[in-house]
């Protein structure tokens, strides 16, 4: 298998005032709810369904126990956007210590992209990263929120982050194996 260059951009906010919220979609069809009960099955569904066409593969091999261990850590939260009761996408927060929160994963299922949900979900999730210590009093107040995106992610991903007030602090280019996208289940994107 050959390698291809992949660019990874790391972006950050250093104050809640950096957040530039997107408008919520019109009407009441979209709701954002925290998945408060750790559920490896649901989290794996979101991960595979959102990332299936953009090469998210890091967690596909995680065991049920590994998912549970991760999800039960203080400061790990999953916020899910629903449109008319159907999961549309999610944002996953991970408290890294010392007041730093990573937006570990963010994205929409393919059918929900390009409809104004992503900017709203990212705005909401970023605001929840800034007030994470309110829900987790054992954690220090958030002083930095960061994330990374890469050239394999959706073509508008980085622009969405920058429109929400994230600023670039690091760029890396590294070779990665050229791989086909796994899809949310075997054969889902078969031609």
N, C-alpha and C. Protein backbone atom coordinates (compact mmCIF):
# COMPACT_ATOMS: atom_id res chain seq x y z
N UNK A 1 0.85 -1.18 0.00
CA UNK A 1 0.00 0.00 0.00
C UNK A 1 0.88 1.23 0.00
N UNK A 2 0.56 2.19 -0.84
CA UNK A 2 1.35 3.41 -0.93
C UNK A 2 0.92 4.43 0.12
N UNK A 3 1.80 5.39 0.36
CA UNK A 3 1.51 6.46 1.30
C UNK A 3 1.11 7.72 0.53
N UNK A 4 0.29 8.56 1.18
CA UNK A 4 -0.10 9.85 0.63
C UNK A 4 0.14 10.91 1.71
N UNK A 5 0.51 12.13 1.32
CA UNK A 5 0.70 13.18 2.33
C UNK A 5 -0.66 13.65 2.88
N UNK A 6 -0.75 13.76 4.19
CA UNK A 6 -1.96 14.25 4.84
C UNK A 6 -1.56 15.43 5.72
N UNK A 7 -2.26 16.54 5.55
CA UNK A 7 -2.01 17.74 6.34
C UNK A 7 -2.96 17.76 7.52
N UNK A 8 -2.40 17.97 8.72
CA UNK A 8 -3.20 18.11 9.93
C UNK A 8 -3.03 19.52 10.47
N UNK A 9 -4.16 20.19 10.71
CA UNK A 9 -4.16 21.53 11.27
C UNK A 9 -4.69 21.47 12.70
N UNK A 10 -3.98 22.06 13.65
CA UNK A 10 -4.44 22.16 15.03
C UNK A 10 -4.87 23.59 15.28
N UNK A 11 -6.06 23.73 15.87
CA UNK A 11 -6.66 25.05 16.09
C UNK A 11 -7.08 25.17 17.54
N UNK A 12 -7.19 26.41 18.03
CA UNK A 12 -7.51 26.61 19.44
C UNK A 12 -8.31 27.88 19.67
N UNK A 13 -8.93 27.91 20.86
CA UNK A 13 -9.50 29.12 21.45
C UNK A 13 -8.90 29.22 22.84
N UNK A 14 -8.61 30.45 23.26
CA UNK A 14 -8.00 30.66 24.58
C UNK A 14 -8.88 31.45 25.53
N UNK A 15 -10.11 31.72 25.10
CA UNK A 15 -11.07 32.44 25.93
C UNK A 15 -12.47 32.13 25.41
N UNK A 16 -13.46 32.06 26.31
CA UNK A 16 -14.84 31.88 25.84
C UNK A 16 -15.26 33.00 24.89
N UNK A 17 -14.63 34.18 25.00
CA UNK A 17 -14.97 35.30 24.12
C UNK A 17 -14.51 35.05 22.69
N UNK A 18 -13.64 34.06 22.47
CA UNK A 18 -13.20 33.73 21.11
C UNK A 18 -14.30 33.07 20.29
N UNK A 19 -15.26 32.45 20.95
CA UNK A 19 -16.32 31.72 20.25
C UNK A 19 -17.22 32.68 19.47
N UNK A 20 -17.35 32.39 18.18
CA UNK A 20 -18.24 33.15 17.30
C UNK A 20 -19.37 32.20 16.89
N UNK A 21 -20.47 32.19 17.62
CA UNK A 21 -21.51 31.20 17.39
C UNK A 21 -22.20 31.33 16.04
N UNK A 22 -22.54 30.21 15.48
CA UNK A 22 -23.36 30.17 14.26
C UNK A 22 -24.82 30.25 14.67
N UNK A 23 -25.63 30.70 13.77
CA UNK A 23 -27.07 30.73 14.03
C UNK A 23 -27.61 29.30 14.07
N UNK A 24 -28.60 29.10 14.91
CA UNK A 24 -29.27 27.80 14.97
C UNK A 24 -30.15 27.65 13.73
N UNK A 25 -30.31 26.42 13.25
CA UNK A 25 -31.24 26.21 12.12
C UNK A 25 -32.63 26.71 12.50
N UNK A 26 -33.35 27.20 11.52
CA UNK A 26 -34.70 27.72 11.78
C UNK A 26 -35.64 26.61 12.23
N UNK A 27 -36.62 26.99 13.02
CA UNK A 27 -37.60 26.02 13.50
C UNK A 27 -37.06 25.26 14.69
N UNK A 28 -37.79 24.23 15.06
CA UNK A 28 -37.40 23.43 16.22
C UNK A 28 -37.08 21.99 15.86
N UNK A 29 -36.69 21.76 14.61
CA UNK A 29 -36.41 20.40 14.15
C UNK A 29 -35.11 19.84 14.70
N UNK A 30 -34.13 20.72 15.03
CA UNK A 30 -32.82 20.27 15.50
C UNK A 30 -32.70 20.53 17.00
N UNK A 31 -32.38 19.46 17.72
CA UNK A 31 -32.12 19.54 19.16
C UNK A 31 -30.74 18.98 19.42
N UNK A 32 -30.05 19.51 20.42
CA UNK A 32 -28.75 18.98 20.83
C UNK A 32 -28.88 18.52 22.28
N UNK A 33 -28.54 17.26 22.50
CA UNK A 33 -28.73 16.63 23.80
C UNK A 33 -27.45 15.91 24.21
N UNK A 34 -27.10 16.00 25.48
CA UNK A 34 -25.95 15.26 25.99
C UNK A 34 -26.34 13.81 26.22
N UNK A 35 -25.52 12.91 25.71
CA UNK A 35 -25.69 11.48 25.98
C UNK A 35 -25.03 11.22 27.33
N UNK A 36 -25.81 11.30 28.41
CA UNK A 36 -25.25 11.27 29.76
C UNK A 36 -24.88 9.87 30.24
N UNK A 37 -25.50 8.85 29.70
CA UNK A 37 -25.18 7.48 30.10
C UNK A 37 -24.12 6.96 29.14
N UNK A 38 -22.91 6.62 29.64
CA UNK A 38 -21.88 6.09 28.75
C UNK A 38 -22.38 4.83 28.03
N UNK A 39 -22.36 4.87 26.71
CA UNK A 39 -22.85 3.75 25.90
C UNK A 39 -21.84 3.46 24.80
N UNK A 40 -20.99 2.45 24.98
CA UNK A 40 -20.04 2.10 23.93
C UNK A 40 -20.73 1.84 22.58
N UNK A 41 -21.88 1.21 22.61
CA UNK A 41 -22.58 0.88 21.37
C UNK A 41 -22.99 2.15 20.63
N UNK A 42 -23.55 3.11 21.35
CA UNK A 42 -24.01 4.35 20.72
C UNK A 42 -22.82 5.18 20.24
N UNK A 43 -21.79 5.29 21.08
CA UNK A 43 -20.63 6.08 20.70
C UNK A 43 -19.93 5.47 19.49
N UNK A 44 -19.84 4.15 19.42
CA UNK A 44 -19.22 3.52 18.25
C UNK A 44 -20.09 3.75 17.00
N UNK A 45 -21.40 3.70 17.17
CA UNK A 45 -22.31 3.99 16.05
C UNK A 45 -22.04 5.39 15.51
N UNK A 46 -21.96 6.39 16.40
CA UNK A 46 -21.72 7.77 15.97
C UNK A 46 -20.37 7.89 15.27
N UNK A 47 -19.35 7.32 15.88
CA UNK A 47 -17.99 7.39 15.33
C UNK A 47 -17.94 6.78 13.93
N UNK A 48 -18.46 5.58 13.78
CA UNK A 48 -18.40 4.88 12.48
C UNK A 48 -19.30 5.55 11.44
N UNK A 49 -20.45 6.03 11.86
CA UNK A 49 -21.39 6.62 10.91
C UNK A 49 -20.95 8.00 10.43
N UNK A 50 -20.41 8.81 11.33
CA UNK A 50 -19.93 10.13 10.95
C UNK A 50 -18.62 10.02 10.19
N UNK A 51 -17.73 9.16 10.64
CA UNK A 51 -16.40 9.09 10.06
C UNK A 51 -16.20 8.06 8.97
N UNK A 52 -17.24 7.31 8.65
CA UNK A 52 -17.09 6.23 7.69
C UNK A 52 -16.63 6.64 6.32
N UNK A 53 -17.01 7.82 5.87
CA UNK A 53 -16.61 8.25 4.53
C UNK A 53 -15.43 9.21 4.54
N UNK A 54 -14.87 9.49 5.73
CA UNK A 54 -13.72 10.39 5.80
C UNK A 54 -12.55 9.75 6.55
N UNK A 55 -12.49 8.43 6.49
CA UNK A 55 -11.34 7.66 6.96
C UNK A 55 -11.09 7.72 8.46
N UNK A 56 -12.13 7.82 9.28
CA UNK A 56 -11.93 7.67 10.71
C UNK A 56 -11.79 6.18 10.98
N UNK A 57 -10.60 5.75 11.34
CA UNK A 57 -10.38 4.32 11.59
C UNK A 57 -9.72 4.04 12.93
N UNK A 58 -9.20 5.07 13.62
CA UNK A 58 -8.43 4.87 14.84
C UNK A 58 -9.17 4.04 15.90
N UNK A 59 -10.46 4.23 16.02
CA UNK A 59 -11.21 3.57 17.08
C UNK A 59 -12.00 2.35 16.62
N UNK A 60 -11.94 2.01 15.37
CA UNK A 60 -12.74 0.87 14.89
C UNK A 60 -12.37 -0.44 15.57
N UNK A 61 -11.13 -0.55 16.00
CA UNK A 61 -10.68 -1.77 16.67
C UNK A 61 -10.84 -1.76 18.17
N UNK A 62 -11.39 -0.69 18.73
CA UNK A 62 -11.56 -0.63 20.18
C UNK A 62 -12.54 -1.69 20.65
N UNK A 63 -12.22 -2.33 21.75
CA UNK A 63 -13.13 -3.29 22.37
C UNK A 63 -14.23 -2.54 23.12
N UNK A 64 -15.26 -3.28 23.48
CA UNK A 64 -16.34 -2.71 24.29
C UNK A 64 -15.78 -2.15 25.58
N UNK A 65 -14.88 -2.87 26.21
CA UNK A 65 -14.28 -2.43 27.47
C UNK A 65 -13.48 -1.14 27.28
N UNK A 66 -12.75 -1.03 26.18
CA UNK A 66 -11.96 0.17 25.92
C UNK A 66 -12.87 1.38 25.72
N UNK A 67 -13.97 1.21 24.98
CA UNK A 67 -14.94 2.28 24.82
C UNK A 67 -15.49 2.70 26.18
N UNK A 68 -15.90 1.74 26.99
CA UNK A 68 -16.49 2.06 28.29
C UNK A 68 -15.48 2.80 29.16
N UNK A 69 -14.26 2.32 29.21
CA UNK A 69 -13.21 2.97 30.01
C UNK A 69 -13.04 4.43 29.59
N UNK A 70 -12.99 4.67 28.31
CA UNK A 70 -12.83 6.03 27.81
C UNK A 70 -14.04 6.90 28.17
N UNK A 71 -15.23 6.40 27.89
CA UNK A 71 -16.45 7.19 28.09
C UNK A 71 -16.74 7.50 29.55
N UNK A 72 -16.23 6.68 30.46
CA UNK A 72 -16.49 6.89 31.89
C UNK A 72 -15.49 7.84 32.56
N UNK A 73 -14.50 8.32 31.81
CA UNK A 73 -13.53 9.26 32.37
C UNK A 73 -14.20 10.60 32.67
N UNK A 74 -13.85 11.23 33.80
CA UNK A 74 -14.39 12.56 34.09
C UNK A 74 -14.03 13.54 32.99
N UNK A 75 -15.03 14.30 32.54
CA UNK A 75 -14.80 15.31 31.54
C UNK A 75 -14.93 14.84 30.11
N UNK A 76 -15.28 13.57 29.90
CA UNK A 76 -15.59 13.10 28.55
C UNK A 76 -17.10 13.22 28.37
N UNK A 77 -17.51 13.97 27.37
CA UNK A 77 -18.93 14.16 27.11
C UNK A 77 -19.21 14.01 25.62
N UNK A 78 -20.39 13.47 25.33
CA UNK A 78 -20.86 13.33 23.96
C UNK A 78 -22.16 14.12 23.84
N UNK A 79 -22.17 15.09 22.94
CA UNK A 79 -23.34 15.91 22.66
C UNK A 79 -23.84 15.56 21.27
N UNK A 80 -25.10 15.18 21.16
CA UNK A 80 -25.64 14.66 19.91
C UNK A 80 -26.71 15.61 19.36
N UNK A 81 -26.57 15.93 18.08
CA UNK A 81 -27.59 16.72 17.38
C UNK A 81 -28.59 15.74 16.77
N UNK A 82 -29.87 16.02 16.99
CA UNK A 82 -30.96 15.21 16.43
C UNK A 82 -31.80 16.11 15.53
N UNK A 83 -32.18 15.59 14.39
CA UNK A 83 -33.14 16.30 13.55
C UNK A 83 -34.39 15.43 13.47
N UNK A 84 -35.48 15.96 13.96
CA UNK A 84 -36.75 15.22 14.02
C UNK A 84 -36.54 13.84 14.66
N UNK A 85 -35.73 13.79 15.73
CA UNK A 85 -35.52 12.55 16.48
C UNK A 85 -34.47 11.62 15.91
N UNK A 86 -33.85 11.96 14.79
CA UNK A 86 -32.83 11.12 14.17
C UNK A 86 -31.45 11.68 14.45
N UNK A 87 -30.49 10.86 14.92
CA UNK A 87 -29.14 11.38 15.15
C UNK A 87 -28.56 11.95 13.86
N UNK A 88 -28.10 13.21 13.93
CA UNK A 88 -27.56 13.89 12.76
C UNK A 88 -26.04 14.05 12.86
N UNK A 89 -25.50 14.09 14.06
CA UNK A 89 -24.07 14.28 14.26
C UNK A 89 -23.77 14.41 15.73
N UNK A 90 -22.49 14.60 16.02
CA UNK A 90 -22.11 14.71 17.43
C UNK A 90 -20.82 15.49 17.59
N UNK A 91 -20.59 15.91 18.83
CA UNK A 91 -19.33 16.51 19.24
C UNK A 91 -18.93 15.81 20.54
N UNK A 92 -17.67 15.40 20.59
CA UNK A 92 -17.16 14.68 21.76
C UNK A 92 -16.08 15.53 22.42
N UNK A 93 -16.26 15.79 23.70
CA UNK A 93 -15.32 16.59 24.48
C UNK A 93 -14.47 15.68 25.35
N UNK A 94 -13.20 16.05 25.53
CA UNK A 94 -12.29 15.26 26.35
C UNK A 94 -11.43 16.21 27.17
N UNK A 95 -11.66 16.25 28.49
CA UNK A 95 -10.85 17.09 29.38
C UNK A 95 -9.45 16.49 29.47
N UNK A 96 -8.46 17.29 29.12
CA UNK A 96 -7.08 16.80 29.05
C UNK A 96 -6.29 17.09 30.33
N UNK A 97 -6.86 17.84 31.24
CA UNK A 97 -6.14 18.24 32.45
C UNK A 97 -5.68 19.68 32.34
N UNK A 98 -5.42 20.30 33.48
CA UNK A 98 -4.94 21.68 33.54
C UNK A 98 -5.84 22.68 32.82
N UNK A 99 -7.13 22.40 32.74
CA UNK A 99 -8.07 23.33 32.12
C UNK A 99 -8.09 23.29 30.61
N UNK A 100 -7.51 22.26 30.02
CA UNK A 100 -7.50 22.12 28.57
C UNK A 100 -8.55 21.08 28.17
N UNK A 101 -9.39 21.43 27.20
CA UNK A 101 -10.42 20.53 26.70
C UNK A 101 -10.22 20.36 25.20
N UNK A 102 -10.16 19.12 24.78
CA UNK A 102 -10.05 18.83 23.35
C UNK A 102 -11.43 18.49 22.80
N UNK A 103 -11.75 19.06 21.66
CA UNK A 103 -12.89 18.57 20.89
C UNK A 103 -12.32 17.38 20.13
N UNK A 104 -12.51 16.20 20.71
CA UNK A 104 -11.85 15.00 20.20
C UNK A 104 -12.45 14.58 18.85
N UNK A 105 -13.76 14.66 18.74
CA UNK A 105 -14.44 14.32 17.48
C UNK A 105 -15.63 15.24 17.30
N UNK A 106 -15.86 15.58 16.05
CA UNK A 106 -16.99 16.42 15.69
C UNK A 106 -17.35 16.10 14.24
N UNK A 107 -18.63 15.97 13.96
CA UNK A 107 -19.04 15.79 12.58
C UNK A 107 -20.49 15.40 12.46
N UNK A 108 -20.93 15.35 11.22
CA UNK A 108 -22.31 15.01 10.89
C UNK A 108 -22.35 13.75 10.05
N UNK A 109 -23.42 12.99 10.17
CA UNK A 109 -23.65 11.89 9.26
C UNK A 109 -23.82 12.48 7.86
N UNK A 110 -23.38 11.78 6.82
CA UNK A 110 -23.38 12.35 5.47
C UNK A 110 -24.71 12.98 5.04
N UNK A 111 -25.83 12.39 5.37
CA UNK A 111 -27.13 12.90 4.92
C UNK A 111 -27.49 14.25 5.53
N UNK A 112 -26.79 14.66 6.59
CA UNK A 112 -27.13 15.89 7.30
C UNK A 112 -26.13 17.02 7.04
N UNK A 113 -25.13 16.78 6.22
CA UNK A 113 -24.13 17.81 5.92
C UNK A 113 -24.68 18.85 4.95
N UNK A 114 -24.15 20.07 5.08
CA UNK A 114 -24.52 21.14 4.16
C UNK A 114 -25.88 21.75 4.41
N UNK A 115 -26.41 21.56 5.61
CA UNK A 115 -27.76 22.05 5.91
C UNK A 115 -27.80 23.02 7.08
N UNK A 116 -26.63 23.51 7.51
CA UNK A 116 -26.58 24.49 8.58
C UNK A 116 -26.55 23.90 9.97
N UNK A 117 -26.52 22.59 10.08
CA UNK A 117 -26.51 21.94 11.39
C UNK A 117 -25.11 21.97 11.99
N UNK A 118 -24.09 21.81 11.16
CA UNK A 118 -22.71 21.70 11.64
C UNK A 118 -22.21 22.91 12.39
N UNK A 119 -22.44 24.10 11.86
CA UNK A 119 -22.01 25.31 12.55
C UNK A 119 -22.68 25.46 13.90
N UNK A 120 -23.96 25.15 13.95
CA UNK A 120 -24.71 25.23 15.20
C UNK A 120 -24.20 24.20 16.21
N UNK A 121 -24.00 22.97 15.76
CA UNK A 121 -23.50 21.91 16.66
C UNK A 121 -22.11 22.25 17.17
N UNK A 122 -21.23 22.73 16.30
CA UNK A 122 -19.89 23.10 16.74
C UNK A 122 -19.94 24.25 17.73
N UNK A 123 -20.78 25.24 17.49
CA UNK A 123 -20.93 26.36 18.43
C UNK A 123 -21.39 25.86 19.79
N UNK A 124 -22.41 25.02 19.78
CA UNK A 124 -22.96 24.49 21.03
C UNK A 124 -21.92 23.65 21.76
N UNK A 125 -21.25 22.76 21.02
CA UNK A 125 -20.24 21.91 21.64
C UNK A 125 -19.07 22.70 22.20
N UNK A 126 -18.65 23.73 21.49
CA UNK A 126 -17.55 24.56 21.98
C UNK A 126 -17.96 25.29 23.26
N UNK A 127 -19.18 25.80 23.30
CA UNK A 127 -19.68 26.45 24.52
C UNK A 127 -19.70 25.46 25.68
N UNK A 128 -20.05 24.20 25.41
CA UNK A 128 -20.05 23.18 26.47
C UNK A 128 -18.63 22.84 26.90
N UNK A 129 -17.66 22.96 26.00
CA UNK A 129 -16.26 22.77 26.40
C UNK A 129 -15.84 23.87 27.37
N UNK A 130 -16.29 25.10 27.10
CA UNK A 130 -15.93 26.22 27.97
C UNK A 130 -16.59 26.11 29.35
N UNK A 131 -17.78 25.51 29.43
CA UNK A 131 -18.42 25.41 30.76
C UNK A 131 -18.37 23.97 31.32
N UNK A 132 -17.42 23.18 30.86
CA UNK A 132 -17.32 21.78 31.28
C UNK A 132 -17.20 21.63 32.80
N UNK A 133 -16.43 22.49 33.45
CA UNK A 133 -16.22 22.37 34.90
C UNK A 133 -17.49 22.59 35.71
N UNK A 134 -18.49 23.22 35.11
CA UNK A 134 -19.78 23.38 35.80
C UNK A 134 -20.40 22.01 36.03
N UNK A 135 -20.28 21.12 35.04
CA UNK A 135 -20.85 19.77 35.15
C UNK A 135 -19.89 18.79 35.81
N UNK A 136 -18.61 19.12 35.85
CA UNK A 136 -17.58 18.26 36.45
C UNK A 136 -16.80 19.10 37.46
N UNK A 137 -17.35 19.31 38.67
CA UNK A 137 -16.70 20.21 39.63
C UNK A 137 -15.30 19.76 40.06
N UNK A 138 -14.96 18.49 39.82
CA UNK A 138 -13.62 18.03 40.17
C UNK A 138 -12.57 18.50 39.16
N UNK A 139 -13.01 19.09 38.06
CA UNK A 139 -12.09 19.58 37.03
C UNK A 139 -11.88 21.08 37.18
N UNK A 140 -10.70 21.58 36.80
CA UNK A 140 -10.48 23.03 36.84
C UNK A 140 -11.26 23.72 35.74
N UNK A 141 -11.52 25.01 35.88
CA UNK A 141 -12.20 25.74 34.82
C UNK A 141 -11.41 25.64 33.50
N UNK A 142 -12.14 25.64 32.42
CA UNK A 142 -11.51 25.55 31.10
C UNK A 142 -10.80 26.85 30.78
N UNK A 143 -9.55 26.73 30.32
CA UNK A 143 -8.79 27.91 29.90
C UNK A 143 -8.36 27.82 28.45
N UNK A 144 -8.55 26.63 27.84
CA UNK A 144 -8.18 26.46 26.42
C UNK A 144 -9.01 25.33 25.84
N UNK A 145 -9.53 25.55 24.63
CA UNK A 145 -10.25 24.52 23.88
C UNK A 145 -9.51 24.35 22.56
N UNK A 146 -9.21 23.12 22.21
CA UNK A 146 -8.47 22.90 20.97
C UNK A 146 -9.03 21.70 20.22
N UNK A 147 -8.63 21.58 18.96
CA UNK A 147 -9.05 20.47 18.12
C UNK A 147 -8.07 20.35 16.97
N UNK A 148 -8.20 19.28 16.24
CA UNK A 148 -7.43 19.16 15.01
C UNK A 148 -8.34 18.63 13.91
N UNK A 149 -7.99 18.98 12.69
CA UNK A 149 -8.68 18.51 11.51
C UNK A 149 -7.61 18.21 10.47
N UNK A 150 -7.97 17.45 9.47
CA UNK A 150 -6.95 17.11 8.48
C UNK A 150 -7.53 17.18 7.06
N UNK A 151 -6.64 17.04 6.10
CA UNK A 151 -7.04 17.15 4.70
C UNK A 151 -7.96 16.02 4.26
N UNK A 152 -8.13 14.99 5.05
CA UNK A 152 -9.09 13.92 4.75
C UNK A 152 -10.50 14.26 5.24
N UNK A 153 -10.61 15.22 6.17
CA UNK A 153 -11.93 15.59 6.69
C UNK A 153 -12.72 16.32 5.60
N UNK A 154 -13.96 16.62 5.90
CA UNK A 154 -14.81 17.31 4.95
C UNK A 154 -14.16 18.60 4.45
N UNK A 155 -14.46 18.96 3.22
CA UNK A 155 -13.79 20.12 2.60
C UNK A 155 -14.08 21.44 3.31
N UNK A 156 -15.15 21.51 4.09
CA UNK A 156 -15.50 22.76 4.77
C UNK A 156 -15.17 22.72 6.26
N UNK A 157 -14.55 21.63 6.74
CA UNK A 157 -14.30 21.46 8.18
C UNK A 157 -13.46 22.60 8.75
N UNK A 158 -12.28 22.82 8.19
CA UNK A 158 -11.40 23.84 8.74
C UNK A 158 -12.05 25.22 8.70
N UNK A 159 -12.72 25.55 7.61
CA UNK A 159 -13.38 26.85 7.50
C UNK A 159 -14.46 27.01 8.57
N UNK A 160 -15.19 25.95 8.88
CA UNK A 160 -16.21 26.01 9.93
C UNK A 160 -15.54 26.31 11.27
N UNK A 161 -14.43 25.64 11.57
CA UNK A 161 -13.73 25.90 12.83
C UNK A 161 -13.26 27.35 12.90
N UNK A 162 -12.71 27.85 11.82
CA UNK A 162 -12.22 29.23 11.83
C UNK A 162 -13.37 30.24 11.93
N UNK A 163 -14.51 29.95 11.31
CA UNK A 163 -15.67 30.84 11.44
C UNK A 163 -16.21 30.84 12.87
N UNK A 164 -15.96 29.80 13.62
CA UNK A 164 -16.40 29.74 15.02
C UNK A 164 -15.39 30.37 15.96
N UNK A 165 -14.28 30.93 15.42
CA UNK A 165 -13.31 31.65 16.24
C UNK A 165 -12.07 30.85 16.62
N UNK A 166 -11.90 29.67 16.08
CA UNK A 166 -10.68 28.91 16.34
C UNK A 166 -9.55 29.46 15.47
N UNK A 167 -8.34 29.52 16.04
CA UNK A 167 -7.18 29.99 15.29
C UNK A 167 -6.14 28.89 15.19
N UNK A 168 -5.44 28.89 14.08
CA UNK A 168 -4.44 27.89 13.78
C UNK A 168 -3.21 28.09 14.66
N UNK A 169 -2.72 26.98 15.27
CA UNK A 169 -1.47 27.08 16.01
C UNK A 169 -0.41 26.08 15.56
N UNK A 170 -0.79 25.10 14.73
CA UNK A 170 0.21 24.15 14.25
C UNK A 170 -0.29 23.48 12.98
N UNK A 171 0.64 23.25 12.04
CA UNK A 171 0.36 22.53 10.81
C UNK A 171 1.43 21.45 10.66
N UNK A 172 0.98 20.23 10.37
CA UNK A 172 1.91 19.12 10.16
C UNK A 172 1.50 18.38 8.89
N UNK A 173 2.49 17.91 8.16
CA UNK A 173 2.24 17.07 6.99
C UNK A 173 3.01 15.78 7.22
N UNK A 174 2.30 14.67 7.11
CA UNK A 174 2.96 13.37 7.29
C UNK A 174 2.35 12.36 6.34
N UNK A 175 3.16 11.39 5.92
CA UNK A 175 2.63 10.36 5.04
C UNK A 175 1.76 9.38 5.83
N UNK A 176 0.65 9.01 5.22
CA UNK A 176 -0.23 7.98 5.81
C UNK A 176 -0.58 6.99 4.71
N UNK A 177 -0.86 5.76 5.11
CA UNK A 177 -1.23 4.78 4.09
C UNK A 177 -2.50 5.20 3.35
N UNK A 178 -2.46 5.12 2.04
CA UNK A 178 -3.66 5.39 1.24
C UNK A 178 -4.64 4.27 1.52
N UNK A 179 -5.77 4.60 2.10
CA UNK A 179 -6.74 3.58 2.48
C UNK A 179 -8.11 3.96 1.95
N UNK A 180 -8.89 2.98 1.65
CA UNK A 180 -10.27 3.26 1.25
C UNK A 180 -11.06 3.59 2.50
N UNK A 181 -12.15 4.30 2.31
CA UNK A 181 -12.99 4.64 3.46
C UNK A 181 -13.78 3.40 3.86
N UNK A 182 -13.84 3.13 5.18
CA UNK A 182 -14.50 1.91 5.62
C UNK A 182 -16.02 1.95 5.57
N UNK A 183 -16.61 3.13 5.56
CA UNK A 183 -18.07 3.21 5.63
C UNK A 183 -18.55 2.85 7.02
N UNK A 184 -19.79 3.10 7.34
CA UNK A 184 -20.29 2.81 8.69
C UNK A 184 -20.47 1.31 8.94
N UNK A 185 -20.54 0.53 7.88
CA UNK A 185 -20.57 -0.94 8.01
C UNK A 185 -20.03 -1.51 6.70
N UNK A 186 -19.56 -2.74 6.72
CA UNK A 186 -18.96 -3.30 5.50
C UNK A 186 -19.93 -3.22 4.32
N UNK A 187 -19.43 -2.70 3.22
CA UNK A 187 -20.22 -2.62 2.00
C UNK A 187 -21.12 -1.41 1.89
N UNK A 188 -21.16 -0.53 2.91
CA UNK A 188 -22.08 0.60 2.89
C UNK A 188 -21.82 1.55 1.75
N UNK A 189 -20.55 1.69 1.36
CA UNK A 189 -20.22 2.59 0.28
C UNK A 189 -19.71 1.83 -0.94
N UNK A 190 -20.11 0.58 -1.06
CA UNK A 190 -19.67 -0.22 -2.21
C UNK A 190 -20.28 0.37 -3.48
N UNK A 191 -19.49 0.36 -4.52
CA UNK A 191 -19.99 0.90 -5.81
C UNK A 191 -20.67 -0.16 -6.61
